[in-house]
Amino acid sequence: MSAPVVLLPDAGPLITLAYADALDLLFKPGWPVLLVDMVLHEVTRNQTPTSEKLGQWAAASKLPVRATQTFQHHQRARKAQAAARTANLGELAIQETMTAMALEQPVQTGVFLFEDHKIARAGFFVPDNCRKISTRAFLLFLQQQGWLESAVEIERRAIQAGRSFSALRFPPAP
């Protein structure tokens, strides 16, 4: 990847890393982390075991938040008290962001970090300048680079703290 890289985490990886007290692993490659507004809303809108931690981490890290039409639509629907769709809106907002990145100059490589097994199997459009990578694959990448002692240890910590971590491995093990 010759273009500058930006990491776009979905809700699942953020939640898993929050359970494992390992959110700062997102910064290990040295890539900017860009939060998508809908994803940030998804992980902080309800009181959960990780919502406060994620909100505080995003604010303390001064992460940029990318505005999307998806989130604007969601907010308008909520204000109108319409039966607003809530499923998969974070993924739609990330898709919107990746599509915009494909058209922007200078070109950046977007790395979409996901955890939901449905995304691994879905016909999710990934522009040429973007990649998708699972939480497990990202942790293994960090381990291979010497930036993390044990990817399995992070998974174990998240699970022990109460995270129901996807059993699907993507890419599949040989």
N, C-alpha and C. Protein backbone atom coordinates (compact mmCIF):
# COMPACT_ATOMS: atom_id res chain seq x y z
N MET A 1 0.85 -1.17 0.00
CA MET A 1 0.00 0.00 0.00
C MET A 1 0.90 1.24 0.00
N SER A 2 0.93 1.93 -1.13
CA SER A 2 1.80 3.09 -1.23
C SER A 2 1.12 4.36 -0.73
N ALA A 3 -0.19 4.43 -0.81
CA ALA A 3 -0.91 5.60 -0.32
C ALA A 3 -0.95 5.59 1.20
N PRO A 4 -1.03 6.77 1.82
CA PRO A 4 -1.17 6.79 3.28
C PRO A 4 -2.37 5.95 3.72
N VAL A 5 -2.22 5.29 4.85
CA VAL A 5 -3.25 4.37 5.35
C VAL A 5 -4.02 5.02 6.48
N VAL A 6 -5.33 4.81 6.50
CA VAL A 6 -6.19 5.25 7.59
C VAL A 6 -7.01 4.05 8.04
N LEU A 7 -7.11 3.85 9.35
CA LEU A 7 -7.85 2.72 9.91
C LEU A 7 -9.28 3.14 10.23
N LEU A 8 -10.24 2.36 9.74
CA LEU A 8 -11.67 2.62 9.93
C LEU A 8 -12.28 1.48 10.74
N PRO A 9 -12.30 1.57 12.06
CA PRO A 9 -12.85 0.46 12.85
C PRO A 9 -14.37 0.48 12.90
N ASP A 10 -14.95 -0.69 12.77
CA ASP A 10 -16.39 -0.88 12.96
C ASP A 10 -16.64 -1.03 14.47
N ALA A 11 -17.90 -1.13 14.85
CA ALA A 11 -18.26 -1.22 16.26
C ALA A 11 -17.69 -2.48 16.93
N GLY A 12 -17.77 -3.62 16.25
CA GLY A 12 -17.33 -4.88 16.85
C GLY A 12 -15.89 -4.86 17.35
N PRO A 13 -14.93 -4.47 16.52
CA PRO A 13 -13.55 -4.42 17.00
C PRO A 13 -13.35 -3.43 18.14
N LEU A 14 -14.04 -2.30 18.07
CA LEU A 14 -13.93 -1.32 19.17
C LEU A 14 -14.42 -1.93 20.48
N ILE A 15 -15.54 -2.63 20.42
CA ILE A 15 -16.10 -3.23 21.63
C ILE A 15 -15.18 -4.33 22.16
N THR A 16 -14.68 -5.18 21.27
CA THR A 16 -13.78 -6.25 21.70
C THR A 16 -12.53 -5.69 22.35
N LEU A 17 -11.92 -4.70 21.71
CA LEU A 17 -10.69 -4.12 22.28
C LEU A 17 -10.98 -3.37 23.57
N ALA A 18 -12.16 -2.78 23.70
CA ALA A 18 -12.53 -2.14 24.96
C ALA A 18 -12.67 -3.17 26.07
N TYR A 19 -13.30 -4.30 25.78
CA TYR A 19 -13.41 -5.37 26.78
C TYR A 19 -12.03 -5.84 27.22
N ALA A 20 -11.09 -5.89 26.28
CA ALA A 20 -9.73 -6.37 26.59
C ALA A 20 -8.82 -5.26 27.12
N ASP A 21 -9.36 -4.06 27.33
CA ASP A 21 -8.54 -2.90 27.72
C ASP A 21 -7.35 -2.75 26.79
N ALA A 22 -7.63 -2.82 25.48
CA ALA A 22 -6.56 -2.81 24.48
C ALA A 22 -6.86 -1.88 23.31
N LEU A 23 -7.64 -0.83 23.53
CA LEU A 23 -7.98 0.08 22.44
C LEU A 23 -6.76 0.74 21.81
N ASP A 24 -5.73 0.98 22.59
CA ASP A 24 -4.55 1.65 22.05
C ASP A 24 -3.79 0.79 21.03
N LEU A 25 -4.14 -0.49 20.93
CA LEU A 25 -3.54 -1.32 19.88
C LEU A 25 -3.88 -0.79 18.49
N LEU A 26 -4.97 -0.07 18.37
CA LEU A 26 -5.35 0.49 17.07
C LEU A 26 -4.29 1.47 16.55
N PHE A 27 -3.50 2.03 17.44
CA PHE A 27 -2.48 3.01 17.03
C PHE A 27 -1.13 2.37 16.72
N LYS A 28 -0.95 1.09 17.04
CA LYS A 28 0.35 0.43 16.89
C LYS A 28 0.95 0.53 15.48
N PRO A 29 0.16 0.40 14.41
CA PRO A 29 0.77 0.50 13.08
C PRO A 29 1.22 1.92 12.72
N GLY A 30 0.78 2.91 13.51
CA GLY A 30 1.14 4.29 13.21
C GLY A 30 0.20 4.95 12.21
N TRP A 31 -0.89 4.28 11.89
CA TRP A 31 -1.87 4.83 10.96
C TRP A 31 -2.87 5.71 11.72
N PRO A 32 -3.34 6.78 11.09
CA PRO A 32 -4.42 7.53 11.74
C PRO A 32 -5.66 6.65 11.88
N VAL A 33 -6.37 6.82 12.98
CA VAL A 33 -7.62 6.11 13.21
C VAL A 33 -8.73 7.12 12.96
N LEU A 34 -9.66 6.76 12.10
CA LEU A 34 -10.78 7.63 11.76
C LEU A 34 -12.06 6.94 12.21
N LEU A 35 -12.80 7.59 13.09
CA LEU A 35 -14.09 7.05 13.50
C LEU A 35 -15.17 7.59 12.58
N VAL A 36 -16.10 6.74 12.25
CA VAL A 36 -17.25 7.14 11.45
C VAL A 36 -18.37 7.48 12.45
N ASP A 37 -19.04 8.61 12.22
CA ASP A 37 -20.03 9.11 13.17
C ASP A 37 -21.06 8.07 13.60
N MET A 38 -21.55 7.29 12.65
CA MET A 38 -22.58 6.29 12.98
C MET A 38 -22.00 5.21 13.88
N VAL A 39 -20.77 4.80 13.63
CA VAL A 39 -20.13 3.78 14.47
C VAL A 39 -19.93 4.32 15.89
N LEU A 40 -19.45 5.54 16.01
CA LEU A 40 -19.27 6.13 17.34
C LEU A 40 -20.61 6.19 18.07
N HIS A 41 -21.65 6.57 17.36
CA HIS A 41 -22.99 6.61 17.95
C HIS A 41 -23.43 5.21 18.41
N GLU A 42 -23.19 4.20 17.56
CA GLU A 42 -23.58 2.83 17.90
C GLU A 42 -22.92 2.35 19.19
N VAL A 43 -21.66 2.69 19.39
CA VAL A 43 -20.94 2.16 20.55
C VAL A 43 -21.13 3.00 21.81
N THR A 44 -21.78 4.16 21.69
CA THR A 44 -21.95 5.02 22.87
C THR A 44 -23.40 5.38 23.18
N ARG A 45 -24.34 5.06 22.30
CA ARG A 45 -25.72 5.53 22.48
C ARG A 45 -26.45 4.87 23.65
N ASN A 46 -26.13 3.63 23.95
CA ASN A 46 -26.78 2.91 25.05
C ASN A 46 -25.77 2.60 26.14
N GLN A 47 -26.25 2.48 27.36
CA GLN A 47 -25.38 2.11 28.47
C GLN A 47 -25.02 0.64 28.34
N THR A 48 -23.74 0.38 28.08
CA THR A 48 -23.24 -1.00 27.96
C THR A 48 -21.97 -1.11 28.79
N PRO A 49 -21.44 -2.31 28.93
CA PRO A 49 -20.19 -2.43 29.69
C PRO A 49 -19.01 -1.65 29.09
N THR A 50 -19.10 -1.28 27.79
CA THR A 50 -17.98 -0.58 27.16
C THR A 50 -18.30 0.82 26.65
N SER A 51 -19.55 1.24 26.69
CA SER A 51 -19.94 2.50 26.07
C SER A 51 -19.22 3.71 26.66
N GLU A 52 -19.14 3.79 27.97
CA GLU A 52 -18.47 4.92 28.60
C GLU A 52 -16.97 4.90 28.30
N LYS A 53 -16.37 3.72 28.38
CA LYS A 53 -14.94 3.58 28.09
C LYS A 53 -14.63 4.02 26.66
N LEU A 54 -15.48 3.61 25.71
CA LEU A 54 -15.26 3.97 24.31
C LEU A 54 -15.44 5.47 24.08
N GLY A 55 -16.44 6.07 24.68
CA GLY A 55 -16.65 7.51 24.55
C GLY A 55 -15.48 8.29 25.12
N GLN A 56 -15.01 7.89 26.30
CA GLN A 56 -13.88 8.57 26.92
C GLN A 56 -12.60 8.38 26.11
N TRP A 57 -12.38 7.17 25.61
CA TRP A 57 -11.19 6.89 24.79
C TRP A 57 -11.19 7.73 23.52
N ALA A 58 -12.33 7.79 22.83
CA ALA A 58 -12.41 8.58 21.59
C ALA A 58 -12.13 10.05 21.86
N ALA A 59 -12.70 10.57 22.95
CA ALA A 59 -12.49 11.98 23.29
C ALA A 59 -11.04 12.24 23.71
N ALA A 60 -10.50 11.38 24.57
CA ALA A 60 -9.12 11.57 25.05
C ALA A 60 -8.11 11.42 23.91
N SER A 61 -8.41 10.57 22.95
CA SER A 61 -7.50 10.35 21.82
C SER A 61 -7.66 11.42 20.75
N LYS A 62 -8.67 12.27 20.91
CA LYS A 62 -8.95 13.34 19.95
C LYS A 62 -9.06 12.80 18.52
N LEU A 63 -9.77 11.70 18.40
CA LEU A 63 -9.92 11.06 17.10
C LEU A 63 -10.85 11.86 16.21
N PRO A 64 -10.48 12.01 14.94
CA PRO A 64 -11.41 12.67 14.02
C PRO A 64 -12.62 11.77 13.79
N VAL A 65 -13.77 12.40 13.62
CA VAL A 65 -15.00 11.68 13.38
C VAL A 65 -15.54 12.13 12.02
N ARG A 66 -15.69 11.18 11.12
CA ARG A 66 -16.16 11.47 9.76
C ARG A 66 -17.67 11.52 9.74
N ALA A 67 -18.22 12.65 9.30
CA ALA A 67 -19.66 12.82 9.17
C ALA A 67 -20.15 12.05 7.95
N THR A 68 -21.30 11.40 8.09
CA THR A 68 -21.88 10.64 6.98
C THR A 68 -23.35 10.99 6.79
N GLN A 69 -23.82 10.79 5.59
CA GLN A 69 -25.25 10.96 5.30
C GLN A 69 -26.06 9.89 6.02
N THR A 70 -25.46 8.74 6.22
CA THR A 70 -26.15 7.65 6.92
C THR A 70 -26.55 8.09 8.32
N PHE A 71 -25.61 8.70 9.06
CA PHE A 71 -25.90 9.15 10.41
C PHE A 71 -26.89 10.32 10.39
N GLN A 72 -26.74 11.24 9.44
CA GLN A 72 -27.68 12.36 9.33
C GLN A 72 -29.10 11.84 9.11
N HIS A 73 -29.24 10.85 8.24
CA HIS A 73 -30.55 10.25 7.99
C HIS A 73 -31.11 9.61 9.26
N HIS A 74 -30.25 8.88 9.97
CA HIS A 74 -30.66 8.23 11.22
C HIS A 74 -31.15 9.27 12.23
N GLN A 75 -30.44 10.37 12.36
CA GLN A 75 -30.84 11.41 13.31
C GLN A 75 -32.18 12.04 12.92
N ARG A 76 -32.36 12.31 11.62
CA ARG A 76 -33.63 12.90 11.16
C ARG A 76 -34.79 11.94 11.44
N ALA A 77 -34.58 10.65 11.17
CA ALA A 77 -35.64 9.67 11.41
C ALA A 77 -36.00 9.59 12.89
N ARG A 78 -34.97 9.65 13.74
CA ARG A 78 -35.24 9.61 15.19
C ARG A 78 -36.02 10.84 15.64
N LYS A 79 -35.64 12.02 15.13
CA LYS A 79 -36.34 13.25 15.51
C LYS A 79 -37.78 13.23 15.03
N ALA A 80 -38.00 12.64 13.87
CA ALA A 80 -39.36 12.55 13.32
C ALA A 80 -40.14 11.41 13.97
N GLN A 81 -39.48 10.69 14.86
CA GLN A 81 -40.05 9.56 15.55
C GLN A 81 -40.60 8.52 14.58
N ALA A 82 -39.92 8.43 13.46
CA ALA A 82 -40.28 7.43 12.46
C ALA A 82 -39.66 6.10 12.88
N ALA A 83 -40.16 5.04 12.33
CA ALA A 83 -39.60 3.72 12.60
C ALA A 83 -38.26 3.64 11.86
N ALA A 84 -37.23 4.14 12.51
CA ALA A 84 -35.92 4.23 11.87
C ALA A 84 -35.22 2.87 11.85
N ARG A 85 -34.61 2.59 10.73
CA ARG A 85 -33.78 1.39 10.61
C ARG A 85 -32.57 1.59 11.50
N THR A 86 -32.18 0.55 12.23
CA THR A 86 -30.98 0.64 13.06
C THR A 86 -29.95 -0.41 12.70
N ALA A 87 -30.37 -1.50 12.08
CA ALA A 87 -29.44 -2.60 11.77
C ALA A 87 -28.47 -2.22 10.67
N ASN A 88 -27.21 -2.52 10.90
CA ASN A 88 -26.14 -2.38 9.91
C ASN A 88 -25.85 -0.94 9.48
N LEU A 89 -26.28 0.04 10.25
CA LEU A 89 -26.04 1.42 9.86
C LEU A 89 -24.56 1.80 9.96
N GLY A 90 -23.85 1.24 10.92
CA GLY A 90 -22.42 1.51 11.02
C GLY A 90 -21.68 1.02 9.79
N GLU A 91 -22.03 -0.18 9.34
CA GLU A 91 -21.41 -0.73 8.14
C GLU A 91 -21.75 0.10 6.92
N LEU A 92 -23.01 0.57 6.83
CA LEU A 92 -23.40 1.44 5.71
C LEU A 92 -22.61 2.74 5.73
N ALA A 93 -22.40 3.30 6.92
CA ALA A 93 -21.64 4.54 7.04
C ALA A 93 -20.18 4.33 6.67
N ILE A 94 -19.62 3.18 7.04
CA ILE A 94 -18.24 2.87 6.64
C ILE A 94 -18.18 2.66 5.13
N GLN A 95 -19.17 1.98 4.56
CA GLN A 95 -19.22 1.80 3.11
C GLN A 95 -19.26 3.17 2.43
N GLU A 96 -20.08 4.07 2.95
CA GLU A 96 -20.17 5.43 2.42
C GLU A 96 -18.81 6.13 2.49
N THR A 97 -18.12 5.96 3.61
CA THR A 97 -16.80 6.58 3.79
C THR A 97 -15.78 6.00 2.82
N MET A 98 -15.77 4.68 2.67
CA MET A 98 -14.82 4.07 1.73
C MET A 98 -15.10 4.50 0.30
N THR A 99 -16.38 4.61 -0.07
CA THR A 99 -16.73 5.06 -1.41
C THR A 99 -16.23 6.50 -1.62
N ALA A 100 -16.41 7.34 -0.64
CA ALA A 100 -15.91 8.72 -0.74
C ALA A 100 -14.39 8.74 -0.85
N MET A 101 -13.73 7.89 -0.08
CA MET A 101 -12.26 7.83 -0.13
C MET A 101 -11.76 7.42 -1.51
N ALA A 102 -12.55 6.63 -2.22
CA ALA A 102 -12.16 6.19 -3.57
C ALA A 102 -12.14 7.36 -4.54
N LEU A 103 -12.86 8.42 -4.23
CA LEU A 103 -12.96 9.57 -5.11
C LEU A 103 -12.10 10.75 -4.70
N GLU A 104 -11.58 10.72 -3.48
CA GLU A 104 -10.85 11.86 -2.93
C GLU A 104 -9.39 11.88 -3.37
N GLN A 105 -8.85 13.08 -3.40
CA GLN A 105 -7.43 13.30 -3.62
C GLN A 105 -6.91 14.07 -2.42
N PRO A 106 -5.76 13.80 -1.89
CA PRO A 106 -4.90 12.71 -2.32
C PRO A 106 -5.49 11.36 -1.91
N VAL A 107 -5.08 10.35 -2.64
CA VAL A 107 -5.58 9.00 -2.40
C VAL A 107 -5.07 8.49 -1.06
N GLN A 108 -5.95 7.89 -0.29
CA GLN A 108 -5.60 7.23 0.96
C GLN A 108 -6.07 5.78 0.87
N THR A 109 -5.39 4.91 1.57
CA THR A 109 -5.83 3.52 1.68
C THR A 109 -6.63 3.39 2.96
N GLY A 110 -7.88 3.01 2.84
CA GLY A 110 -8.72 2.79 4.01
C GLY A 110 -8.67 1.33 4.40
N VAL A 111 -8.41 1.06 5.67
CA VAL A 111 -8.43 -0.31 6.18
C VAL A 111 -9.64 -0.43 7.09
N PHE A 112 -10.64 -1.16 6.61
CA PHE A 112 -11.89 -1.36 7.33
C PHE A 112 -11.71 -2.54 8.28
N LEU A 113 -11.69 -2.25 9.56
CA LEU A 113 -11.51 -3.26 10.60
C LEU A 113 -12.90 -3.71 11.07
N PHE A 114 -13.20 -4.98 10.86
CA PHE A 114 -14.53 -5.50 11.17
C PHE A 114 -14.43 -6.73 12.06
N GLU A 115 -15.56 -7.10 12.63
CA GLU A 115 -15.61 -8.31 13.42
C GLU A 115 -16.82 -9.16 13.09
N ASP A 116 -17.86 -8.56 12.64
CA ASP A 116 -19.11 -9.26 12.39
C ASP A 116 -18.91 -10.29 11.29
N HIS A 117 -19.20 -11.54 11.61
CA HIS A 117 -19.02 -12.62 10.63
C HIS A 117 -19.86 -12.43 9.38
N LYS A 118 -20.97 -11.67 9.48
CA LYS A 118 -21.79 -11.44 8.29
C LYS A 118 -21.05 -10.60 7.26
N ILE A 119 -20.18 -9.71 7.71
CA ILE A 119 -19.40 -8.88 6.79
C ILE A 119 -18.36 -9.72 6.07
N ALA A 120 -17.77 -10.66 6.77
CA ALA A 120 -16.76 -11.52 6.16
C ALA A 120 -17.34 -12.28 4.98
N ARG A 121 -18.59 -12.63 5.08
CA ARG A 121 -19.22 -13.43 4.03
C ARG A 121 -20.02 -12.59 3.05
N ALA A 122 -20.27 -11.35 3.36
CA ALA A 122 -21.16 -10.51 2.55
C ALA A 122 -20.47 -9.98 1.30
N GLY A 123 -21.29 -9.59 0.36
CA GLY A 123 -20.81 -8.94 -0.84
C GLY A 123 -20.60 -7.47 -0.57
N PHE A 124 -19.75 -7.16 0.37
CA PHE A 124 -19.47 -5.80 0.79
C PHE A 124 -18.54 -5.18 -0.24
N PHE A 125 -18.90 -4.05 -0.84
CA PHE A 125 -18.06 -3.42 -1.85
C PHE A 125 -16.87 -2.73 -1.18
N VAL A 126 -15.69 -3.14 -1.58
CA VAL A 126 -14.46 -2.54 -1.06
C VAL A 126 -13.71 -1.93 -2.24
N PRO A 127 -13.64 -0.60 -2.32
CA PRO A 127 -12.94 0.04 -3.44
C PRO A 127 -11.48 -0.41 -3.50
N ASP A 128 -10.86 -0.20 -4.66
CA ASP A 128 -9.48 -0.62 -4.87
C ASP A 128 -8.51 -0.06 -3.83
N ASN A 129 -8.79 1.13 -3.32
CA ASN A 129 -7.89 1.75 -2.36
C ASN A 129 -8.23 1.40 -0.92
N CYS A 130 -9.08 0.43 -0.72
CA CYS A 130 -9.48 0.03 0.64
C CYS A 130 -9.28 -1.47 0.82
N ARG A 131 -9.17 -1.87 2.08
CA ARG A 131 -9.02 -3.27 2.45
C ARG A 131 -9.97 -3.55 3.62
N LYS A 132 -10.36 -4.81 3.79
CA LYS A 132 -11.11 -5.17 4.99
C LYS A 132 -10.32 -6.25 5.70
N ILE A 133 -10.30 -6.14 7.02
CA ILE A 133 -9.52 -7.06 7.84
C ILE A 133 -10.29 -7.31 9.14
N SER A 134 -10.29 -8.55 9.57
CA SER A 134 -10.99 -8.90 10.80
C SER A 134 -10.16 -8.50 12.02
N THR A 135 -10.80 -8.45 13.15
CA THR A 135 -10.10 -8.15 14.40
C THR A 135 -8.98 -9.15 14.64
N ARG A 136 -9.29 -10.44 14.47
CA ARG A 136 -8.26 -11.48 14.67
C ARG A 136 -7.08 -11.29 13.74
N ALA A 137 -7.35 -11.04 12.46
CA ALA A 137 -6.27 -10.85 11.49
C ALA A 137 -5.45 -9.61 11.85
N PHE A 138 -6.09 -8.55 12.32
CA PHE A 138 -5.39 -7.34 12.74
C PHE A 138 -4.48 -7.65 13.93
N LEU A 139 -5.00 -8.37 14.91
CA LEU A 139 -4.18 -8.72 16.07
C LEU A 139 -3.00 -9.60 15.68
N LEU A 140 -3.23 -10.54 14.77
CA LEU A 140 -2.12 -11.37 14.28
C LEU A 140 -1.09 -10.54 13.52
N PHE A 141 -1.55 -9.57 12.75
CA PHE A 141 -0.64 -8.65 12.06
C PHE A 141 0.23 -7.91 13.08
N LEU A 142 -0.39 -7.40 14.14
CA LEU A 142 0.36 -6.69 15.18
C LEU A 142 1.39 -7.62 15.82
N GLN A 143 1.00 -8.86 16.06
CA GLN A 143 1.91 -9.84 16.65
C GLN A 143 3.08 -10.12 15.69
N GLN A 144 2.78 -10.33 14.42
CA GLN A 144 3.83 -10.60 13.43
C GLN A 144 4.81 -9.45 13.30
N GLN A 145 4.32 -8.23 13.48
CA GLN A 145 5.19 -7.05 13.39
C GLN A 145 6.00 -6.82 14.67
N GLY A 146 5.70 -7.59 15.71
CA GLY A 146 6.40 -7.42 16.98
C GLY A 146 5.82 -6.32 17.85
N TRP A 147 4.62 -5.85 17.52
CA TRP A 147 3.97 -4.78 18.27
C TRP A 147 3.03 -5.31 19.35
N LEU A 148 2.86 -6.62 19.38
CA LEU A 148 1.98 -7.27 20.33
C LEU A 148 2.58 -8.63 20.65
N GLU A 149 2.66 -8.94 21.92
CA GLU A 149 3.24 -10.22 22.31
C GLU A 149 2.35 -11.39 21.91
N SER A 150 1.02 -11.26 22.15
CA SER A 150 0.15 -12.40 21.88
C SER A 150 -1.25 -11.94 21.46
N ALA A 151 -1.61 -12.24 20.23
CA ALA A 151 -2.96 -11.95 19.74
C ALA A 151 -3.99 -12.76 20.52
N VAL A 152 -3.66 -14.00 20.81
CA VAL A 152 -4.56 -14.89 21.54
C VAL A 152 -4.84 -14.34 22.94
N GLU A 153 -3.85 -13.73 23.55
CA GLU A 153 -4.02 -13.16 24.89
C GLU A 153 -5.06 -12.03 24.87
N ILE A 154 -5.07 -11.21 23.83
CA ILE A 154 -6.05 -10.13 23.73
C ILE A 154 -7.45 -10.74 23.58
N GLU A 155 -7.59 -11.74 22.73
CA GLU A 155 -8.88 -12.44 22.58
C GLU A 155 -9.33 -13.01 23.93
N ARG A 156 -8.40 -13.66 24.63
CA ARG A 156 -8.71 -14.28 25.92
C ARG A 156 -9.19 -13.23 26.92
N ARG A 157 -8.49 -12.10 26.98
CA ARG A 157 -8.89 -11.04 27.91
C ARG A 157 -10.28 -10.51 27.59
N ALA A 158 -10.58 -10.33 26.31
CA ALA A 158 -11.90 -9.84 25.92
C ALA A 158 -12.98 -10.84 26.32
N ILE A 159 -12.74 -12.11 26.06
CA ILE A 159 -13.72 -13.16 26.38
C ILE A 159 -13.90 -13.27 27.89
N GLN A 160 -12.81 -13.24 28.63
CA GLN A 160 -12.90 -13.31 30.10
C GLN A 160 -13.65 -12.13 30.69
N ALA A 161 -13.56 -10.98 30.02
CA ALA A 161 -14.26 -9.79 30.51
C ALA A 161 -15.73 -9.79 30.11
N GLY A 162 -16.15 -10.79 29.29
CA GLY A 162 -17.56 -10.91 28.95
C GLY A 162 -17.90 -10.72 27.49
N ARG A 163 -16.92 -10.53 26.64
CA ARG A 163 -17.18 -10.33 25.21
C ARG A 163 -17.47 -11.67 24.54
N SER A 164 -18.53 -11.70 23.77
CA SER A 164 -18.85 -12.87 22.95
C SER A 164 -18.17 -12.64 21.61
N PHE A 165 -17.00 -13.22 21.46
CA PHE A 165 -16.15 -12.98 20.31
C PHE A 165 -16.47 -13.97 19.21
N SER A 166 -16.56 -13.50 17.98
CA SER A 166 -16.91 -14.35 16.84
C SER A 166 -15.96 -15.53 16.72
N ALA A 167 -16.53 -16.70 16.50
CA ALA A 167 -15.71 -17.90 16.31
C ALA A 167 -15.23 -18.02 14.87
N LEU A 168 -15.81 -17.24 13.98
CA LEU A 168 -15.41 -17.27 12.58
C LEU A 168 -14.03 -16.67 12.42
N ARG A 169 -13.21 -17.33 11.66
CA ARG A 169 -11.87 -16.82 11.38
C ARG A 169 -11.85 -16.33 9.95
N PHE A 170 -11.42 -15.08 9.76
CA PHE A 170 -11.34 -14.50 8.43
C PHE A 170 -10.02 -13.79 8.30
N PRO A 171 -9.20 -14.11 7.31
CA PRO A 171 -9.49 -15.16 6.34
C PRO A 171 -9.47 -16.53 7.01
N PRO A 172 -10.16 -17.50 6.39
CA PRO A 172 -10.26 -18.82 6.99
C PRO A 172 -8.87 -19.46 7.15
N ALA A 173 -8.73 -20.23 8.20
CA ALA A 173 -7.46 -20.94 8.42
C ALA A 173 -7.29 -21.98 7.32
N PRO A 174 -6.05 -22.19 6.85
CA PRO A 174 -5.83 -23.17 5.77
C PRO A 174 -6.10 -24.59 6.23
